[in-house]
Amino acid sequence: MSLFRGLAQLGSKSETELSMLNGVPGMIGETAVVTKAVSVRHHPGAVRTRGEEWYAVSLFPGITIDVGATVVVADVDRGVLVVFPTDET
């Protein structure tokens, strides 16, 4: 019977709670692929994640991340993703 209670509690999450998990703040920690070289805020690059293209800047000043590299989203600042390269690149 406790399994059913647990499922009922999952179903009772508010729409706002679910949208926070799935919205822009929920992107932190996700991976993306660089489609236009990513560097500093004054010259943002672009990444593709969740099937969409997003402006992106490097978390580390002075580091340029090349096209094709896999990055991790560290933050979202005014609609611009702040990313860092994975060890796989």
PDB file of N, CA and C in Angstrom:
ATOM      1  N   MET A   1       0.810  -1.181   0.000  1.00  0.00           N
ATOM      2  CA  MET A   1       0.000   0.000   0.000  1.00  0.00           C
ATOM      3  C   MET A   1       0.865   1.262   0.000  1.00  0.00           C
ATOM      4  N   SER A   2       2.058   1.244   0.585  1.00  0.00           N
ATOM      5  CA  SER A   2       2.905   2.431   0.632  1.00  0.00           C
ATOM      6  C   SER A   2       3.394   2.832  -0.761  1.00  0.00           C
ATOM      7  N   LEU A   3       3.537   1.868  -1.669  1.00  0.00           N
ATOM      8  CA  LEU A   3       3.916   2.183  -3.040  1.00  0.00           C
ATOM      9  C   LEU A   3       2.879   3.089  -3.676  1.00  0.00           C
ATOM     10  N   PHE A   4       1.611   2.803  -3.467  1.00  0.00           N
ATOM     11  CA  PHE A   4       0.547   3.614  -4.044  1.00  0.00           C
ATOM     12  C   PHE A   4       0.533   5.022  -3.442  1.00  0.00           C
ATOM     13  N   ARG A   5       0.831   5.124  -2.158  1.00  0.00           N
ATOM     14  CA  ARG A   5       0.903   6.449  -1.523  1.00  0.00           C
ATOM     15  C   ARG A   5       2.037   7.264  -2.131  1.00  0.00           C
ATOM     16  N   GLY A   6       3.169   6.610  -2.363  1.00  0.00           N
ATOM     17  CA  GLY A   6       4.308   7.292  -2.977  1.00  0.00           C
ATOM     18  C   GLY A   6       3.985   7.785  -4.375  1.00  0.00           C
ATOM     19  N   LEU A   7       3.301   6.966  -5.155  1.00  0.00           N
ATOM     20  CA  LEU A   7       2.906   7.376  -6.493  1.00  0.00           C
ATOM     21  C   LEU A   7       1.901   8.509  -6.440  1.00  0.00           C
ATOM     22  N   ALA A   8       1.014   8.472  -5.500  1.00  0.00           N
ATOM     23  CA  ALA A   8       0.026   9.539  -5.346  1.00  0.00           C
ATOM     24  C   ALA A   8       0.713  10.855  -5.005  1.00  0.00           C
ATOM     25  N   GLN A   9       1.754  10.797  -4.171  1.00  0.00           N
ATOM     26  CA  GLN A   9       2.478  12.014  -3.818  1.00  0.00           C
ATOM     27  C   GLN A   9       3.214  12.567  -5.027  1.00  0.00           C
ATOM     28  N   LEU A  10       3.778  11.701  -5.865  1.00  0.00           N
ATOM     29  CA  LEU A  10       4.429  12.163  -7.089  1.00  0.00           C
ATOM     30  C   LEU A  10       3.435  12.898  -7.964  1.00  0.00           C
ATOM     31  N   GLY A  11       2.252  12.361  -8.072  1.00  0.00           N
ATOM     32  CA  GLY A  11       1.233  12.970  -8.906  1.00  0.00           C
ATOM     33  C   GLY A  11       0.692  14.261  -8.340  1.00  0.00           C
ATOM     34  N   SER A  12       0.988  14.566  -7.092  1.00  0.00           N
ATOM     35  CA  SER A  12       0.438  15.763  -6.475  1.00  0.00           C
ATOM     36  C   SER A  12       1.372  16.972  -6.581  1.00  0.00           C
ATOM     37  N   LYS A  13       2.521  16.840  -7.236  1.00  0.00           N
ATOM     38  CA  LYS A  13       3.412  17.988  -7.399  1.00  0.00           C
ATOM     39  C   LYS A  13       2.705  19.065  -8.212  1.00  0.00           C
ATOM     40  N   SER A  14       2.927  20.293  -7.828  1.00  0.00           N
ATOM     41  CA  SER A  14       2.274  21.388  -8.531  1.00  0.00           C
ATOM     42  C   SER A  14       2.893  21.563  -9.912  1.00  0.00           C
ATOM     43  N   GLU A  15       2.153  22.200 -10.775  1.00  0.00           N
ATOM     44  CA  GLU A  15       2.629  22.462 -12.135  1.00  0.00           C
ATOM     45  C   GLU A  15       3.879  23.345 -12.092  1.00  0.00           C
ATOM     46  N   THR A  16       3.944  24.272 -11.149  1.00  0.00           N
ATOM     47  CA  THR A  16       5.101  25.147 -11.011  1.00  0.00           C
ATOM     48  C   THR A  16       6.348  24.349 -10.653  1.00  0.00           C
ATOM     49  N   GLU A  17       6.219  23.402  -9.722  1.00  0.00           N
ATOM     50  CA  GLU A  17       7.365  22.571  -9.340  1.00  0.00           C
ATOM     51  C   GLU A  17       7.871  21.784 -10.536  1.00  0.00           C
ATOM     52  N   LEU A  18       6.977  21.227 -11.318  1.00  0.00           N
ATOM     53  CA  LEU A  18       7.388  20.441 -12.479  1.00  0.00           C
ATOM     54  C   LEU A  18       8.031  21.317 -13.539  1.00  0.00           C
ATOM     55  N   SER A  19       7.509  22.521 -13.762  1.00  0.00           N
ATOM     56  CA  SER A  19       8.091  23.394 -14.773  1.00  0.00           C
ATOM     57  C   SER A  19       9.479  23.855 -14.365  1.00  0.00           C
ATOM     58  N   MET A  20       9.736  23.994 -13.065  1.00  0.00           N
ATOM     59  CA  MET A  20      11.067  24.374 -12.609  1.00  0.00           C
ATOM     60  C   MET A  20      12.082  23.286 -12.919  1.00  0.00           C
ATOM     61  N   LEU A  21      11.671  22.041 -12.821  1.00  0.00           N
ATOM     62  CA  LEU A  21      12.573  20.941 -13.135  1.00  0.00           C
ATOM     63  C   LEU A  21      12.838  20.861 -14.627  1.00  0.00           C
ATOM     64  N   ASN A  22      11.860  21.223 -15.429  1.00  0.00           N
ATOM     65  CA  ASN A  22      11.972  21.080 -16.874  1.00  0.00           C
ATOM     66  C   ASN A  22      12.322  22.367 -17.589  1.00  0.00           C
ATOM     67  N   GLY A  23      12.229  23.515 -16.933  1.00  0.00           N
ATOM     68  CA  GLY A  23      12.485  24.798 -17.562  1.00  0.00           C
ATOM     69  C   GLY A  23      13.974  25.104 -17.643  1.00  0.00           C
ATOM     70  N   VAL A  24      14.259  26.357 -17.915  1.00  0.00           N
ATOM     71  CA  VAL A  24      15.644  26.798 -18.068  1.00  0.00           C
ATOM     72  C   VAL A  24      16.500  26.450 -16.848  1.00  0.00           C
ATOM     73  N   PRO A  25      16.042  26.677 -15.601  1.00  0.00           N
ATOM     74  CA  PRO A  25      16.887  26.292 -14.455  1.00  0.00           C
ATOM     75  C   PRO A  25      17.198  24.792 -14.435  1.00  0.00           C
ATOM     76  N   GLY A  26      16.323  24.000 -15.004  1.00  0.00           N
ATOM     77  CA  GLY A  26      16.554  22.560 -15.063  1.00  0.00           C
ATOM     78  C   GLY A  26      17.648  22.163 -16.041  1.00  0.00           C
ATOM     79  N   MET A  27      18.139  23.122 -16.823  1.00  0.00           N
ATOM     80  CA  MET A  27      19.194  22.836 -17.797  1.00  0.00           C
ATOM     81  C   MET A  27      20.564  22.698 -17.153  1.00  0.00           C
ATOM     82  N   ILE A  28      20.719  23.227 -15.953  1.00  0.00           N
ATOM     83  CA  ILE A  28      22.026  23.180 -15.290  1.00  0.00           C
ATOM     84  C   ILE A  28      22.427  21.727 -15.072  1.00  0.00           C
ATOM     85  N   GLY A  29      23.628  21.393 -15.526  1.00  0.00           N
ATOM     86  CA  GLY A  29      24.132  20.029 -15.426  1.00  0.00           C
ATOM     87  C   GLY A  29      23.935  19.221 -16.701  1.00  0.00           C
ATOM     88  N   GLU A  30      23.129  19.730 -17.634  1.00  0.00           N
ATOM     89  CA  GLU A  30      22.923  19.018 -18.900  1.00  0.00           C
ATOM     90  C   GLU A  30      24.110  19.242 -19.825  1.00  0.00           C
ATOM     91  N   THR A  31      24.271  18.339 -20.783  1.00  0.00           N
ATOM     92  CA  THR A  31      25.335  18.502 -21.768  1.00  0.00           C
ATOM     93  C   THR A  31      24.775  19.138 -23.033  1.00  0.00           C
ATOM     94  N   ALA A  32      25.676  19.746 -23.803  1.00  0.00           N
ATOM     95  CA  ALA A  32      25.322  20.393 -25.058  1.00  0.00           C
ATOM     96  C   ALA A  32      26.505  20.243 -26.002  1.00  0.00           C
ATOM     97  N   VAL A  33      26.267  20.478 -27.288  1.00  0.00           N
ATOM     98  CA  VAL A  33      27.335  20.417 -28.286  1.00  0.00           C
ATOM     99  C   VAL A  33      27.524  21.820 -28.859  1.00  0.00           C
ATOM    100  N   VAL A  34      28.778  22.259 -28.933  1.00  0.00           N
ATOM    101  CA  VAL A  34      29.100  23.593 -29.434  1.00  0.00           C
ATOM    102  C   VAL A  34      28.902  23.634 -30.947  1.00  0.00           C
ATOM    103  N   THR A  35      28.112  24.626 -31.412  1.00  0.00           N
ATOM    104  CA  THR A  35      27.856  24.793 -32.848  1.00  0.00           C
ATOM    105  C   THR A  35      28.525  26.049 -33.398  1.00  0.00           C
ATOM    106  N   LYS A  36      28.894  26.974 -32.537  1.00  0.00           N
ATOM    107  CA  LYS A  36      29.670  28.177 -32.880  1.00  0.00           C
ATOM    108  C   LYS A  36      30.603  28.410 -31.706  1.00  0.00           C
ATOM    109  N   ALA A  37      31.902  28.562 -31.979  1.00  0.00           N
ATOM    110  CA  ALA A  37      32.917  28.657 -30.912  1.00  0.00           C
ATOM    111  C   ALA A  37      32.448  29.537 -29.759  1.00  0.00           C
ATOM    112  N   VAL A  38      32.631  29.030 -28.536  1.00  0.00           N
ATOM    113  CA  VAL A  38      32.180  29.694 -27.317  1.00  0.00           C
ATOM    114  C   VAL A  38      33.378  30.351 -26.641  1.00  0.00           C
ATOM    115  N   SER A  39      33.228  31.649 -26.303  1.00  0.00           N
ATOM    116  CA  SER A  39      34.302  32.329 -25.570  1.00  0.00           C
ATOM    117  C   SER A  39      33.688  33.284 -24.549  1.00  0.00           C
ATOM    118  N   VAL A  40      33.998  34.558 -24.628  1.00  0.00           N
ATOM    119  CA  VAL A  40      33.584  35.528 -23.615  1.00  0.00           C
ATOM    120  C   VAL A  40      32.200  36.103 -23.873  1.00  0.00           C
ATOM    121  N   ARG A  41      31.637  36.741 -22.861  1.00  0.00           N
ATOM    122  CA  ARG A  41      30.285  37.306 -22.929  1.00  0.00           C
ATOM    123  C   ARG A  41      30.109  38.293 -24.082  1.00  0.00           C
ATOM    124  N   HIS A  42      31.127  39.071 -24.404  1.00  0.00           N
ATOM    125  CA  HIS A  42      30.995  40.085 -25.446  1.00  0.00           C
ATOM    126  C   HIS A  42      30.901  39.476 -26.846  1.00  0.00           C
ATOM    127  N   HIS A  43      31.279  38.206 -26.965  1.00  0.00           N
ATOM    128  CA  HIS A  43      31.203  37.488 -28.237  1.00  0.00           C
ATOM    129  C   HIS A  43      30.683  36.077 -27.983  1.00  0.00           C
ATOM    130  N   PRO A  44      29.396  35.953 -27.631  1.00  0.00           N
ATOM    131  CA  PRO A  44      28.883  34.612 -27.302  1.00  0.00           C
ATOM    132  C   PRO A  44      28.888  33.683 -28.506  1.00  0.00           C
ATOM    133  N   GLY A  45      29.083  32.411 -28.200  1.00  0.00           N
ATOM    134  CA  GLY A  45      28.998  31.389 -29.222  1.00  0.00           C
ATOM    135  C   GLY A  45      27.612  30.768 -29.163  1.00  0.00           C
ATOM    136  N   ALA A  46      27.511  29.524 -29.633  1.00  0.00           N
ATOM    137  CA  ALA A  46      26.221  28.844 -29.619  1.00  0.00           C
ATOM    138  C   ALA A  46      26.414  27.362 -29.326  1.00  0.00           C
ATOM    139  N   VAL A  47      25.416  26.791 -28.660  1.00  0.00           N
ATOM    140  CA  VAL A  47      25.398  25.358 -28.369  1.00  0.00           C
ATOM    141  C   VAL A  47      24.022  24.811 -28.708  1.00  0.00           C
ATOM    142  N   ARG A  48      23.967  23.504 -28.909  1.00  0.00           N
ATOM    143  CA  ARG A  48      22.693  22.840 -29.177  1.00  0.00           C
ATOM    144  C   ARG A  48      22.403  21.876 -28.037  1.00  0.00           C
ATOM    145  N   THR A  49      21.250  22.080 -27.398  1.00  0.00           N
ATOM    146  CA  THR A  49      20.788  21.207 -26.336  1.00  0.00           C
ATOM    147  C   THR A  49      19.270  21.200 -26.344  1.00  0.00           C
ATOM    148  N   ARG A  50      18.688  20.095 -25.937  1.00  0.00           N
ATOM    149  CA  ARG A  50      17.227  19.950 -25.925  1.00  0.00           C
ATOM    150  C   ARG A  50      16.615  20.240 -27.291  1.00  0.00           C
ATOM    151  N   GLY A  51      17.391  19.992 -28.351  1.00  0.00           N
ATOM    152  CA  GLY A  51      16.890  20.200 -29.701  1.00  0.00           C
ATOM    153  C   GLY A  51      16.817  21.653 -30.118  1.00  0.00           C
ATOM    154  N   GLU A  52      17.426  22.542 -29.338  1.00  0.00           N
ATOM    155  CA  GLU A  52      17.390  23.970 -29.638  1.00  0.00           C
ATOM    156  C   GLU A  52      18.787  24.568 -29.613  1.00  0.00           C
ATOM    157  N   GLU A  53      18.942  25.670 -30.340  1.00  0.00           N
ATOM    158  CA  GLU A  53      20.195  26.424 -30.365  1.00  0.00           C
ATOM    159  C   GLU A  53      20.118  27.519 -29.297  1.00  0.00           C
ATOM    160  N   TRP A  54      21.179  27.638 -28.475  1.00  0.00           N
ATOM    161  CA  TRP A  54      21.231  28.634 -27.408  1.00  0.00           C
ATOM    162  C   TRP A  54      22.532  29.419 -27.498  1.00  0.00           C
ATOM    163  N   TYR A  55      22.480  30.727 -27.179  1.00  0.00           N
ATOM    164  CA  TYR A  55      23.720  31.482 -27.015  1.00  0.00           C
ATOM    165  C   TYR A  55      24.435  30.935 -25.792  1.00  0.00           C
ATOM    166  N   ALA A  56      25.779  30.947 -25.840  1.00  0.00           N
ATOM    167  CA  ALA A  56      26.556  30.413 -24.721  1.00  0.00           C
ATOM    168  C   ALA A  56      27.872  31.155 -24.576  1.00  0.00           C
ATOM    169  N   VAL A  57      28.340  31.230 -23.340  1.00  0.00           N
ATOM    170  CA  VAL A  57      29.655  31.794 -23.031  1.00  0.00           C
ATOM    171  C   VAL A  57      30.399  30.810 -22.145  1.00  0.00           C
ATOM    172  N   SER A  58      31.725  30.943 -22.139  1.00  0.00           N
ATOM    173  CA  SER A  58      32.567  30.059 -21.343  1.00  0.00           C
ATOM    174  C   SER A  58      32.549  30.469 -19.872  1.00  0.00           C
ATOM    175  N   LEU A  59      32.500  29.481 -18.995  1.00  0.00           N
ATOM    176  CA  LEU A  59      32.580  29.724 -17.557  1.00  0.00           C
ATOM    177  C   LEU A  59      33.952  30.280 -17.178  1.00  0.00           C
ATOM    178  N   PHE A  60      34.981  29.855 -17.903  1.00  0.00           N
ATOM    179  CA  PHE A  60      36.354  30.235 -17.587  1.00  0.00           C
ATOM    180  C   PHE A  60      36.833  31.344 -18.518  1.00  0.00           C
ATOM    181  N   PRO A  61      37.130  32.532 -17.982  1.00  0.00           N
ATOM    182  CA  PRO A  61      37.610  33.644 -18.814  1.00  0.00           C
ATOM    183  C   PRO A  61      38.870  33.255 -19.579  1.00  0.00           C
ATOM    184  N   GLY A  62      38.938  33.671 -20.822  1.00  0.00           N
ATOM    185  CA  GLY A  62      40.119  33.401 -21.644  1.00  0.00           C
ATOM    186  C   GLY A  62      40.118  32.044 -22.305  1.00  0.00           C
ATOM    187  N   ILE A  63      39.134  31.208 -22.041  1.00  0.00           N
ATOM    188  CA  ILE A  63      39.052  29.871 -22.647  1.00  0.00           C
ATOM    189  C   ILE A  63      38.046  29.902 -23.794  1.00  0.00           C
ATOM    190  N   THR A  64      38.480  29.478 -24.970  1.00  0.00           N
ATOM    191  CA  THR A  64      37.582  29.338 -26.117  1.00  0.00           C
ATOM    192  C   THR A  64      37.314  27.855 -26.313  1.00  0.00           C
ATOM    193  N   ILE A  65      36.048  27.513 -26.498  1.00  0.00           N
ATOM    194  CA  ILE A  65      35.656  26.113 -26.687  1.00  0.00           C
ATOM    195  C   ILE A  65      35.257  25.955 -28.148  1.00  0.00           C
ATOM    196  N   ASP A  66      35.918  25.037 -28.831  1.00  0.00           N
ATOM    197  CA  ASP A  66      35.745  24.870 -30.280  1.00  0.00           C
ATOM    198  C   ASP A  66      34.463  24.147 -30.670  1.00  0.00           C
ATOM    199  N   VAL A  67      34.059  24.359 -31.918  1.00  0.00           N
ATOM    200  CA  VAL A  67      32.887  23.706 -32.500  1.00  0.00           C
ATOM    201  C   VAL A  67      33.042  22.189 -32.399  1.00  0.00           C
ATOM    202  N   GLY A  68      31.968  21.514 -32.028  1.00  0.00           N
ATOM    203  CA  GLY A  68      31.968  20.063 -31.922  1.00  0.00           C
ATOM    204  C   GLY A  68      32.262  19.549 -30.523  1.00  0.00           C
ATOM    205  N   ALA A  69      32.772  20.426 -29.653  1.00  0.00           N
ATOM    206  CA  ALA A  69      33.087  20.004 -28.283  1.00  0.00           C
ATOM    207  C   ALA A  69      31.803  19.787 -27.487  1.00  0.00           C
ATOM    208  N   THR A  70      31.872  18.865 -26.536  1.00  0.00           N
ATOM    209  CA  THR A  70      30.761  18.643 -25.614  1.00  0.00           C
ATOM    210  C   THR A  70      31.006  19.485 -24.377  1.00  0.00           C
ATOM    211  N   VAL A  71      29.966  20.212 -23.951  1.00  0.00           N
ATOM    212  CA  VAL A  71      30.080  21.083 -22.785  1.00  0.00           C
ATOM    213  C   VAL A  71      28.972  20.755 -21.781  1.00  0.00           C
ATOM    214  N   VAL A  72      29.149  21.234 -20.556  1.00  0.00           N
ATOM    215  CA  VAL A  72      28.161  21.084 -19.497  1.00  0.00           C
ATOM    216  C   VAL A  72      27.643  22.477 -19.143  1.00  0.00           C
ATOM    217  N   VAL A  73      26.347  22.596 -18.955  1.00  0.00           N
ATOM    218  CA  VAL A  73      25.742  23.872 -18.579  1.00  0.00           C
ATOM    219  C   VAL A  73      25.955  24.080 -17.074  1.00  0.00           C
ATOM    220  N   ALA A  74      26.664  25.170 -16.725  1.00  0.00           N
ATOM    221  CA  ALA A  74      26.944  25.488 -15.325  1.00  0.00           C
ATOM    222  C   ALA A  74      25.938  26.486 -14.760  1.00  0.00           C
ATOM    223  N   ASP A  75      25.400  27.342 -15.632  1.00  0.00           N
ATOM    224  CA  ASP A  75      24.483  28.385 -15.177  1.00  0.00           C
ATOM    225  C   ASP A  75      23.730  28.925 -16.382  1.00  0.00           C
ATOM    226  N   VAL A  76      22.677  29.673 -16.106  1.00  0.00           N
ATOM    227  CA  VAL A  76      21.931  30.375 -17.144  1.00  0.00           C
ATOM    228  C   VAL A  76      21.842  31.818 -16.683  1.00  0.00           C
ATOM    229  N   ASP A  77      22.402  32.730 -17.482  1.00  0.00           N
ATOM    230  CA  ASP A  77      22.443  34.144 -17.105  1.00  0.00           C
ATOM    231  C   ASP A  77      21.747  34.971 -18.172  1.00  0.00           C
ATOM    232  N   ARG A  78      20.530  35.427 -17.852  1.00  0.00           N
ATOM    233  CA  ARG A  78      19.734  36.253 -18.770  1.00  0.00           C
ATOM    234  C   ARG A  78      19.521  35.576 -20.115  1.00  0.00           C
ATOM    235  N   GLY A  79      19.254  34.297 -20.077  1.00  0.00           N
ATOM    236  CA  GLY A  79      18.979  33.545 -21.297  1.00  0.00           C
ATOM    237  C   GLY A  79      20.204  33.046 -22.040  1.00  0.00           C
ATOM    238  N   VAL A  80      21.383  33.318 -21.509  1.00  0.00           N
ATOM    239  CA  VAL A  80      22.637  32.845 -22.106  1.00  0.00           C
ATOM    240  C   VAL A  80      23.183  31.722 -21.232  1.00  0.00           C
ATOM    241  N   LEU A  81      23.516  30.597 -21.853  1.00  0.00           N
ATOM    242  CA  LEU A  81      24.062  29.474 -21.094  1.00  0.00           C
ATOM    243  C   LEU A  81      25.534  29.722 -20.784  1.00  0.00           C
ATOM    244  N   VAL A  82      25.930  29.443 -19.569  1.00  0.00           N
ATOM    245  CA  VAL A  82      27.330  29.522 -19.145  1.00  0.00           C
ATOM    246  C   VAL A  82      27.814  28.083 -19.069  1.00  0.00           C
ATOM    247  N   VAL A  83      28.838  27.754 -19.879  1.00  0.00           N
ATOM    248  CA  VAL A  83      29.230  26.355 -20.054  1.00  0.00           C
ATOM    249  C   VAL A  83      30.718  26.140 -19.805  1.00  0.00           C
ATOM    250  N   PHE A  84      31.061  24.879 -19.562  1.00  0.00           N
ATOM    251  CA  PHE A  84      32.469  24.494 -19.464  1.00  0.00           C
ATOM    252  C   PHE A  84      32.652  23.172 -20.209  1.00  0.00           C
ATOM    253  N   PRO A  85      33.857  22.942 -20.758  1.00  0.00           N
ATOM    254  CA  PRO A  85      34.090  21.721 -21.532  1.00  0.00           C
ATOM    255  C   PRO A  85      34.143  20.482 -20.646  1.00  0.00           C
ATOM    256  N   THR A  86      33.698  19.365 -21.204  1.00  0.00           N
ATOM    257  CA  THR A  86      33.827  18.087 -20.499  1.00  0.00           C
ATOM    258  C   THR A  86      35.209  17.539 -20.740  1.00  0.00           C
ATOM    259  N   ASP A  87      35.565  16.495 -20.025  1.00  0.00           N
ATOM    260  CA  ASP A  87      36.867  15.867 -20.222  1.00  0.00           C
ATOM    261  C   ASP A  87      36.925  15.101 -21.543  1.00  0.00           C
ATOM    262  N   GLU A  88      35.768  14.874 -22.153  1.00  0.00           N
ATOM    263  CA  GLU A  88      35.695  14.084 -23.374  1.00  0.00           C
ATOM    264  C   GLU A  88      36.122  14.869 -24.613  1.00  0.00           C
ATOM    265  N   THR A  89      36.293  16.201 -24.497  1.00  0.00           N
ATOM    266  CA  THR A  89      36.608  17.001 -25.662  1.00  0.00           C
ATOM    267  C   THR A  89      38.087  17.148 -25.873  1.00  0.00           C
TER     268      THR A  89
END
